[in-house]
C-alpha atoms as a PDB file:
ATOM      1  CA  MET A   1      -3.213  20.932   1.326  1.00  0.00           C
ATOM      2  CA  ARG A   2      -5.001  17.712   2.758  1.00  0.00           C
ATOM      3  CA  SER A   3      -7.105  16.103   0.407  1.00  0.00           C
ATOM      4  CA  ILE A   4     -10.817  16.318   1.198  1.00  0.00           C
ATOM      5  CA  PHE A   5     -11.069  12.554   1.266  1.00  0.00           C
ATOM      6  CA  ALA A   6      -8.154  12.033   3.940  1.00  0.00           C
ATOM      7  CA  ASN A   7     -10.079  12.007   7.205  1.00  0.00           C
ATOM      8  CA  ASP A   8      -8.570  10.551  10.577  1.00  0.00           C
ATOM      9  CA  ASP A   9      -9.623   6.640  10.059  1.00  0.00           C
ATOM     10  CA  TYR A  10      -6.274   5.782   8.971  1.00  0.00           C
ATOM     11  CA  ALA A  11      -4.049   8.385  10.061  1.00  0.00           C
ATOM     12  CA  TRP A  12      -2.366   7.896  13.676  1.00  0.00           C
ATOM     13  CA  TRP A  13      -3.490  11.393  14.413  1.00  0.00           C
ATOM     14  CA  PRO A  14      -4.641  14.966  13.013  1.00  0.00           C
ATOM     15  CA  ILE A  15      -1.482  17.470  13.238  1.00  0.00           C
ATOM     16  CA  SER A  16      -3.697  19.903  11.933  1.00  0.00           C
ATOM     17  CA  GLN A  17      -6.394  20.922   8.857  1.00  0.00           C
ATOM     18  CA  GLU A  18      -3.639  20.214   6.560  1.00  0.00           C
ATOM     19  CA  TYR A  19      -1.656  17.542   7.547  1.00  0.00           C
ATOM     20  CA  LEU A  20      -2.245  14.093   9.537  1.00  0.00           C
ATOM     21  CA  TYR A  21       0.636  11.909  11.260  1.00  0.00           C
ATOM     22  CA  GLN A  22       1.022   8.541   9.396  1.00  0.00           C
ATOM     23  CA  GLY A  23       3.564   6.088   9.213  1.00  0.00           C
ATOM     24  CA  GLY A  24       4.245   2.395   8.453  1.00  0.00           C
ATOM     25  CA  THR A  25       5.098   0.756   5.345  1.00  0.00           C
ATOM     26  CA  SER A  26       2.841   2.968   3.278  1.00  0.00           C
ATOM     27  CA  GLN A  27       5.138   5.811   4.421  1.00  0.00           C
ATOM     28  CA  SER A  28       8.419   4.746   4.599  1.00  0.00           C
ATOM     29  CA  GLY A  29       8.427   2.872   1.140  1.00  0.00           C
ATOM     30  CA  PRO A  30       8.242   6.414  -0.721  1.00  0.00           C
ATOM     31  CA  HIS A  31      11.085   7.426   1.685  1.00  0.00           C
ATOM     32  CA  VAL A  32      13.373   4.906   1.182  1.00  0.00           C
ATOM     33  CA  SER A  33      12.381   4.731  -2.701  1.00  0.00           C
ATOM     34  CA  GLY A  34      13.574   8.663  -2.958  1.00  0.00           C
ATOM     35  CA  ALA A  35      16.331   8.103  -0.779  1.00  0.00           C
ATOM     36  CA  ALA A  36      17.594   4.794  -3.156  1.00  0.00           C
ATOM     37  CA  ALA A  37      17.313   7.490  -6.442  1.00  0.00           C
ATOM     38  CA  VAL A  38      19.259  10.222  -4.602  1.00  0.00           C
ATOM     39  CA  PHE A  39      21.919   7.876  -3.631  1.00  0.00           C
ATOM     40  CA  VAL A  40      22.189   6.730  -7.156  1.00  0.00           C
ATOM     41  CA  GLN A  41      22.609   9.970  -8.469  1.00  0.00           C
ATOM     42  CA  PHE A  42      25.121  10.750  -5.449  1.00  0.00           C
ATOM     43  CA  TYR A  43      27.215   7.500  -6.691  1.00  0.00           C
ATOM     44  CA  ARG A  44      27.253   8.320 -10.185  1.00  0.00           C
ATOM     45  CA  GLU A  45      28.170  12.174  -9.828  1.00  0.00           C
ATOM     46  CA  THR A  46      31.132  10.760  -7.520  1.00  0.00           C
ATOM     47  CA  HIS A  47      31.774   7.565  -9.434  1.00  0.00           C
ATOM     48  CA  GLY A  48      32.800   8.480 -12.869  1.00  0.00           C
ATOM     49  CA  GLY A  49      28.885   7.889 -13.941  1.00  0.00           C
ATOM     50  CA  LEU A  50      28.844   4.465 -12.706  1.00  0.00           C
ATOM     51  CA  THR A  51      25.569   3.015 -11.592  1.00  0.00           C
ATOM     52  CA  PRO A  52      25.483   1.417  -8.225  1.00  0.00           C
ATOM     53  CA  SER A  53      24.381  -2.176  -7.828  1.00  0.00           C
ATOM     54  CA  PRO A  54      20.766  -2.451  -5.662  1.00  0.00           C
ATOM     55  CA  ALA A  55      22.952  -4.700  -3.359  1.00  0.00           C
ATOM     56  CA  LEU A  56      25.234  -1.827  -3.119  1.00  0.00           C
ATOM     57  CA  VAL A  57      22.332   0.839  -2.590  1.00  0.00           C
ATOM     58  CA  LYS A  58      20.690  -1.360  -0.098  1.00  0.00           C
ATOM     59  CA  ALA A  59      23.779  -1.429   2.186  1.00  0.00           C
ATOM     60  CA  ALA A  60      24.571   2.015   1.732  1.00  0.00           C
ATOM     61  CA  LEU A  61      21.084   2.950   3.083  1.00  0.00           C
ATOM     62  CA  ILE A  62      21.387  -0.025   5.837  1.00  0.00           C
ATOM     63  CA  ASN A  63      24.557   1.059   7.246  1.00  0.00           C
ATOM     64  CA  SER A  64      23.711   4.896   7.711  1.00  0.00           C
ATOM     65  CA  ALA A  65      20.142   4.397   8.852  1.00  0.00           C
ATOM     66  CA  THR A  66      19.437   5.976  12.435  1.00  0.00           C
ATOM     67  CA  ASP A  67      18.140   3.641  15.410  1.00  0.00           C
ATOM     68  CA  MET A  68      14.686   4.877  16.523  1.00  0.00           C
ATOM     69  CA  ASP A  69      13.807   5.558  19.487  1.00  0.00           C
ATOM     70  CA  ASP A  70      14.271   2.218  21.970  1.00  0.00           C
ATOM     71  CA  SER A  71      12.393   3.459  24.648  1.00  0.00           C
ATOM     72  CA  VAL A  72       8.906   3.305  22.793  1.00  0.00           C
ATOM     73  CA  GLU A  73       8.944  -0.410  23.188  1.00  0.00           C
ATOM     74  CA  THR A  74      11.129  -1.362  20.395  1.00  0.00           C
ATOM     75  CA  ASP A  75      14.471  -3.321  20.422  1.00  0.00           C
ATOM     76  CA  PRO A  76      17.899  -2.253  18.726  1.00  0.00           C
ATOM     77  CA  VAL A  77      17.810  -2.804  15.139  1.00  0.00           C
ATOM     78  CA  PRO A  78      17.267  -4.634  13.249  1.00  0.00           C
ATOM     79  CA  ASN A  79      13.803  -5.263  14.551  1.00  0.00           C
ATOM     80  CA  ASN A  80      10.325  -6.178  13.173  1.00  0.00           C
ATOM     81  CA  ASP A  81       9.049  -2.783  14.127  1.00  0.00           C
ATOM     82  CA  GLU A  82      11.206  -0.432  12.290  1.00  0.00           C
ATOM     83  CA  GLY A  83      13.666  -2.655  10.494  1.00  0.00           C
ATOM     84  CA  TRP A  84      17.398  -1.556  10.202  1.00  0.00           C
ATOM     85  CA  GLY A  85      16.253   1.868  11.207  1.00  0.00           C
ATOM     86  CA  ARG A  86      15.513   5.495   9.859  1.00  0.00           C
ATOM     87  CA  VAL A  87      16.976   6.424   6.368  1.00  0.00           C
ATOM     88  CA  ASP A  88      19.280   9.333   7.167  1.00  0.00           C
ATOM     89  CA  LEU A  89      20.783  10.521   3.919  1.00  0.00           C
ATOM     90  CA  PRO A  90      22.889  13.569   5.318  1.00  0.00           C
ATOM     91  CA  ALA A  91      25.045  10.374   7.270  1.00  0.00           C
ATOM     92  CA  LEU A  92      25.518   8.998   3.917  1.00  0.00           C
ATOM     93  CA  ILE A  93      25.903  11.721   1.437  1.00  0.00           C
ATOM     94  CA  ALA A  94      27.198  14.780   3.559  1.00  0.00           C
ATOM     95  CA  SER A  95      28.811  13.065   6.081  1.00  0.00           C
ATOM     96  CA  ASP A  96      32.644  13.684   7.513  1.00  0.00           C
ATOM     97  CA  ARG A  97      32.765   9.855   7.074  1.00  0.00           C
ATOM     98  CA  ASP A  98      34.779   8.157   4.766  1.00  0.00           C
ATOM     99  CA  TYR A  99      33.052   5.473   2.821  1.00  0.00           C
ATOM    100  CA  ASP A 100      34.190   2.587   0.606  1.00  0.00           C
ATOM    101  CA  PHE A 101      31.775   1.455  -1.583  1.00  0.00           C
ATOM    102  CA  LEU A 102      32.744  -1.780  -2.410  1.00  0.00           C
ATOM    103  CA  ASP A 103      30.440  -3.008  -5.181  1.00  0.00           C
ATOM    104  CA  GLN A 104      29.920  -6.461  -6.806  1.00  0.00           C
ATOM    105  CA  SER A 105      33.362  -6.675  -8.790  1.00  0.00           C
ATOM    106  CA  ILE A 106      33.645 -10.190  -7.653  1.00  0.00           C
ATOM    107  CA  LEU A 107      30.691 -12.276  -7.682  1.00  0.00           C
ATOM    108  CA  LEU A 108      30.505 -14.974  -5.309  1.00  0.00           C
ATOM    109  CA  THR A 109      28.972 -18.438  -5.029  1.00  0.00           C
ATOM    110  CA  ASN A 110      27.524 -20.873  -2.455  1.00  0.00           C
ATOM    111  CA  ARG A 111      30.287 -20.596   0.469  1.00  0.00           C
ATOM    112  CA  ALA A 112      32.549 -18.418  -0.854  1.00  0.00           C
ATOM    113  CA  VAL A 113      34.094 -15.745   1.123  1.00  0.00           C
ATOM    114  CA  TYR A 114      35.343 -12.204  -0.124  1.00  0.00           C
ATOM    115  CA  GLU A 115      37.341 -10.388   2.809  1.00  0.00           C
ATOM    116  CA  LYS A 116      38.946  -6.800   2.586  1.00  0.00           C
ATOM    117  CA  ARG A 117      41.312  -6.101   5.707  1.00  0.00           C
ATOM    118  CA  TYR A 118      41.785  -2.605   6.802  1.00  0.00           C
END
């Protein structure tokens, strides 16, 4: 239930008496944090209890993100309106795709290169 203190001043528009439509970083931050926590749990369950590095979590979320509607004045991702797109956990966790999660087993220094060919 919507708080009595939640007025329409900071919402994009009201949906009903119970909900307001909001967006931006204030809304995306909690969603991405929750998605990162779910991915870490998934990774631990599928990789013998190992914890992925923050860099791997970020890369996984970016590479499974969905580009938003470009017809509403946004450019293809990445852009300043939506970053890399909307987090899409099913595209990452419940996907038919095969992911090769390569974590920082080889640390790189400045100008170092690591390649893996498929």
